[in-house]
Amino acid sequence: MGTKHYQLCASYLNPKLVFMGKVNSHGRLSARVKAVITDKLIVHAHSELRKALVNFEYLALNYRAQFQLGSNSIIGATYIQRVTPRLSLGGEFFWATMAQESGVGYAARYETNKMVASAKVISTGSVIMTYVQKISKKVSLATDFVYNCFSRDVKAKVGYECDISRLSRVQGMIDSNGVAYALLKKEMKMGLASLLSACLDHMKKDYKLGLSLTYH
């Protein structure tokens, strides 16, 4: 919330259905819906500015499959298979009929009790790598690296997460553009939770502060 801009949010939370809506001072309306059809089938829907996206997700014991449909004639599909107890391999396909663009991607994920590493290569030239390391029971560090082979554009992020207590959590991140983010979440009594967030962009002189209260 700032002097020239504000937004109002509403949400409905249920084990089988989650709905979140948001509208800002410029009249921009967005909504998200998550519906749990069965223990293995979940449907996600998102709508904003006359654009909609529906995602069907199927979760099995050793694999996960997704199918996406977008309002701009976008079709996508992903599949991830657990090869070993620690290694998973997958692929994706997307096709934008209006823009006449398509592409494929390949991904790998390796995890242990204290770390998770993943890599993804897309035919559009993007290479995405992530790494998460658990330092202790309460502290974890993470990094994200994105490189485009065609445009030579490079982006990176470094973040952390710290569980102060059973009811409090702190998260922070800084990216290669010098933008810093911080978030403090605290569970209070009687089903009340508070969320304090901040974003500092010194280069653009853009500073944001947010406060959220949730009752469930």
Protein backbone atom coordinates (compact mmCIF):
# COMPACT_ATOMS: atom_id res chain seq x y z
CA MET A 1 0.00 0.00 0.00
CA GLY A 2 1.37 3.43 -0.98
CA THR A 3 0.19 7.02 -1.29
CA LYS A 4 -0.93 6.58 -4.91
CA HIS A 5 -1.81 2.90 -4.99
CA TYR A 6 -3.63 0.39 -2.83
CA GLN A 7 -5.23 -3.02 -3.23
CA LEU A 8 -7.90 -5.08 -1.46
CA CYS A 9 -7.72 -8.86 -1.10
CA ALA A 10 -10.20 -11.54 -0.10
CA SER A 11 -9.71 -15.27 0.30
CA TYR A 12 -11.63 -18.43 1.13
CA LEU A 13 -9.69 -21.41 2.48
CA ASN A 14 -10.98 -24.95 2.62
CA PRO A 15 -9.18 -28.34 2.46
CA LYS A 16 -10.91 -29.01 -0.88
CA LEU A 17 -11.25 -25.48 -2.25
CA VAL A 18 -9.13 -22.32 -2.08
CA PHE A 19 -10.23 -19.02 -3.60
CA MET A 20 -8.23 -15.76 -3.63
CA GLY A 21 -9.33 -12.48 -5.21
CA LYS A 22 -7.60 -9.12 -5.50
CA VAL A 23 -8.50 -5.68 -6.86
CA ASN A 24 -6.35 -2.53 -6.84
CA SER A 25 -6.99 1.20 -7.15
CA HIS A 26 -6.48 1.03 -10.93
CA GLY A 27 -9.40 -1.38 -11.33
CA ARG A 28 -7.20 -4.39 -12.01
CA LEU A 29 -9.00 -7.54 -10.87
CA SER A 30 -7.44 -10.99 -10.49
CA ALA A 31 -8.59 -14.29 -9.04
CA ARG A 32 -7.07 -17.68 -8.23
CA VAL A 33 -8.86 -20.96 -7.55
CA LYS A 34 -7.50 -24.31 -6.37
CA ALA A 35 -9.85 -27.29 -6.31
CA VAL A 36 -8.88 -30.71 -5.00
CA ILE A 37 -11.00 -33.13 -7.06
CA THR A 38 -9.46 -36.33 -5.70
CA ASP A 39 -6.37 -37.26 -3.70
CA LYS A 40 -4.41 -37.34 -6.97
CA LEU A 41 -6.15 -34.78 -9.21
CA ILE A 42 -5.90 -31.02 -8.51
CA VAL A 43 -7.19 -28.17 -10.69
CA HIS A 44 -5.66 -24.67 -10.59
CA ALA A 45 -7.24 -21.66 -12.32
CA HIS A 46 -5.99 -18.08 -12.63
CA SER A 47 -7.65 -15.09 -14.28
CA GLU A 48 -6.36 -11.53 -14.73
CA LEU A 49 -6.99 -8.78 -17.29
CA ARG A 50 -9.10 -10.92 -19.64
CA LYS A 51 -6.49 -13.68 -19.49
CA ALA A 52 -7.17 -17.07 -17.99
CA LEU A 53 -5.10 -20.17 -17.34
CA VAL A 54 -6.31 -23.58 -16.19
CA ASN A 55 -3.88 -26.22 -14.97
CA PHE A 56 -4.75 -29.88 -14.36
CA GLU A 57 -2.25 -31.66 -12.10
CA TYR A 58 -2.14 -35.40 -11.50
CA LEU A 59 0.03 -36.69 -8.65
CA ALA A 60 1.07 -40.33 -8.43
CA LEU A 61 3.57 -42.18 -6.27
CA ASN A 62 6.55 -41.94 -8.64
CA TYR A 63 5.49 -39.37 -11.24
CA ARG A 64 3.60 -36.12 -11.74
CA ALA A 65 1.82 -34.90 -14.88
CA GLN A 66 0.36 -31.47 -15.73
CA PHE A 67 -1.73 -30.14 -18.57
CA GLN A 68 -2.34 -26.40 -19.14
CA LEU A 69 -4.85 -24.46 -21.22
CA GLY A 70 -4.61 -20.68 -21.68
CA SER A 71 -7.02 -18.07 -23.04
CA ASN A 72 -4.45 -16.97 -25.64
CA SER A 73 -4.53 -20.41 -27.28
CA ILE A 74 -1.65 -21.64 -25.15
CA ILE A 75 -1.31 -25.38 -24.59
CA GLY A 76 1.32 -26.93 -22.32
CA ALA A 77 2.14 -30.29 -20.81
CA THR A 78 4.78 -31.46 -18.33
CA TYR A 79 5.80 -34.86 -17.00
CA ILE A 80 8.23 -35.70 -14.18
CA GLN A 81 9.29 -39.26 -13.36
CA ARG A 82 11.21 -40.40 -10.28
CA VAL A 83 14.03 -42.56 -11.63
CA THR A 84 15.74 -43.34 -8.33
CA PRO A 85 14.83 -42.40 -4.74
CA ARG A 86 16.86 -39.20 -5.20
CA LEU A 87 16.85 -38.48 -8.94
CA SER A 88 13.90 -37.31 -11.03
CA LEU A 89 13.82 -36.57 -14.77
CA GLY A 90 11.15 -34.80 -16.76
CA GLY A 91 10.17 -32.91 -19.88
CA GLU A 92 7.69 -30.29 -21.05
CA PHE A 93 6.04 -29.06 -24.22
CA PHE A 94 4.26 -25.77 -24.94
CA TRP A 95 2.53 -24.38 -27.99
CA ALA A 96 1.08 -20.90 -28.56
CA THR A 97 -1.22 -21.19 -31.57
CA MET A 98 -1.80 -17.45 -32.02
CA ALA A 99 1.90 -16.57 -31.91
CA GLN A 100 2.85 -19.73 -33.80
CA GLU A 101 5.52 -20.53 -31.23
CA SER A 102 6.38 -23.84 -29.64
CA GLY A 103 9.14 -25.33 -27.57
CA VAL A 104 10.29 -28.25 -25.48
CA GLY A 105 12.21 -28.45 -22.24
CA TYR A 106 14.15 -31.04 -20.26
CA ALA A 107 14.65 -31.03 -16.49
CA ALA A 108 16.49 -32.95 -13.78
CA ARG A 109 16.16 -32.84 -10.00
CA TYR A 110 18.41 -34.38 -7.35
CA GLU A 111 17.60 -34.28 -3.66
CA THR A 112 18.90 -35.54 -0.33
CA ASN A 113 17.92 -34.88 3.26
CA LYS A 114 19.85 -31.60 3.29
CA MET A 115 19.91 -30.30 -0.30
CA VAL A 116 17.87 -30.02 -3.49
CA ALA A 117 19.43 -29.22 -6.89
CA SER A 118 17.57 -28.84 -10.18
CA ALA A 119 18.38 -27.85 -13.75
CA LYS A 120 16.18 -27.09 -16.74
CA VAL A 121 16.99 -26.44 -20.40
CA ILE A 122 14.39 -25.02 -22.81
CA SER A 123 14.60 -24.88 -26.61
CA THR A 124 14.00 -21.11 -26.45
CA GLY A 125 17.55 -20.79 -25.12
CA SER A 126 16.85 -20.55 -21.38
CA VAL A 127 18.93 -22.43 -18.83
CA ILE A 128 17.55 -22.45 -15.28
CA MET A 129 19.39 -23.83 -12.26
CA THR A 130 18.38 -23.81 -8.59
CA TYR A 131 20.07 -25.04 -5.42
CA VAL A 132 18.75 -25.22 -1.85
CA GLN A 133 20.95 -26.19 1.10
CA LYS A 134 19.69 -26.85 4.61
CA ILE A 135 22.30 -25.44 6.99
CA SER A 136 20.57 -26.46 10.20
CA LYS A 137 17.13 -27.42 11.44
CA LYS A 138 16.05 -23.78 11.26
CA VAL A 139 18.14 -22.17 8.50
CA SER A 140 18.18 -22.86 4.75
CA LEU A 141 20.00 -21.07 1.93
CA ALA A 142 18.95 -20.99 -1.73
CA THR A 143 20.20 -19.65 -5.05
CA ASP A 144 18.62 -19.30 -8.48
CA PHE A 145 20.41 -18.77 -11.81
CA VAL A 146 18.80 -18.04 -15.21
CA TYR A 147 20.76 -17.66 -18.45
CA ASN A 148 19.54 -17.19 -22.03
CA CYS A 149 21.93 -18.53 -24.66
CA PHE A 150 20.51 -16.31 -27.41
CA SER A 151 20.21 -12.92 -25.66
CA ARG A 152 23.09 -13.59 -23.22
CA ASP A 153 20.86 -12.25 -20.45
CA VAL A 154 21.84 -13.39 -16.94
CA LYS A 155 19.76 -13.22 -13.78
CA ALA A 156 20.57 -14.55 -10.33
CA LYS A 157 18.98 -14.62 -6.89
CA VAL A 158 20.22 -15.54 -3.42
CA GLY A 159 17.89 -16.08 -0.49
CA TYR A 160 17.50 -17.56 2.96
CA GLU A 161 14.79 -18.90 5.24
CA CYS A 162 14.94 -19.02 9.03
CA ASP A 163 12.42 -20.55 11.41
CA ILE A 164 12.68 -18.34 14.47
CA SER A 165 10.22 -20.48 16.37
CA ARG A 166 7.43 -22.92 15.72
CA LEU A 167 5.12 -20.02 14.91
CA SER A 168 7.49 -17.49 13.29
CA ARG A 169 9.43 -17.55 10.03
CA VAL A 170 11.71 -15.04 8.26
CA GLN A 171 12.58 -15.07 4.56
CA GLY A 172 14.89 -12.80 2.59
CA MET A 173 16.22 -12.51 -0.94
CA ILE A 174 18.34 -10.24 -3.14
CA ASP A 175 18.60 -10.47 -6.93
CA SER A 176 21.23 -9.46 -9.47
CA ASN A 177 19.45 -6.13 -10.06
CA GLY A 178 20.07 -5.13 -6.44
CA VAL A 179 16.44 -5.51 -5.36
CA ALA A 180 16.08 -6.82 -1.79
CA TYR A 181 13.03 -8.60 -0.41
CA ALA A 182 12.12 -9.53 3.16
CA LEU A 183 9.17 -11.34 4.69
CA LEU A 184 8.14 -12.08 8.28
CA LYS A 185 5.31 -14.50 9.00
CA LYS A 186 3.94 -15.09 12.48
CA GLU A 187 1.14 -17.34 13.65
CA MET A 188 -0.79 -15.80 16.51
CA LYS A 189 -3.49 -17.10 18.83
CA MET A 190 -7.09 -17.88 17.92
CA GLY A 191 -6.26 -18.78 14.28
CA LEU A 192 -4.85 -15.33 13.44
CA ALA A 193 -1.70 -14.98 11.31
CA SER A 194 0.22 -11.85 10.32
CA LEU A 195 2.52 -11.30 7.34
CA LEU A 196 4.90 -8.34 7.02
CA SER A 197 6.76 -7.86 3.73
CA ALA A 198 9.14 -5.28 2.28
CA CYS A 199 10.75 -4.64 -1.12
CA LEU A 200 13.65 -2.21 -1.63
CA ASP A 201 14.81 -1.16 -5.09
CA HIS A 202 17.52 1.48 -4.61
CA MET A 203 18.26 1.88 -8.32
CA LYS A 204 14.66 2.79 -9.19
CA LYS A 205 14.04 4.36 -5.78
CA ASP A 206 11.02 2.14 -5.36
CA TYR A 207 10.20 1.09 -1.80
CA LYS A 208 7.21 -1.05 -0.78
CA LEU A 209 5.90 -2.23 2.57
CA GLY A 210 2.98 -4.62 3.06
CA LEU A 211 0.99 -5.98 6.02
CA SER A 212 -1.47 -8.85 5.88
CA LEU A 213 -3.72 -10.36 8.56
CA THR A 214 -5.34 -13.75 7.99
CA TYR A 215 -7.92 -15.53 10.12
CA HIS A 216 -8.55 -19.23 9.62
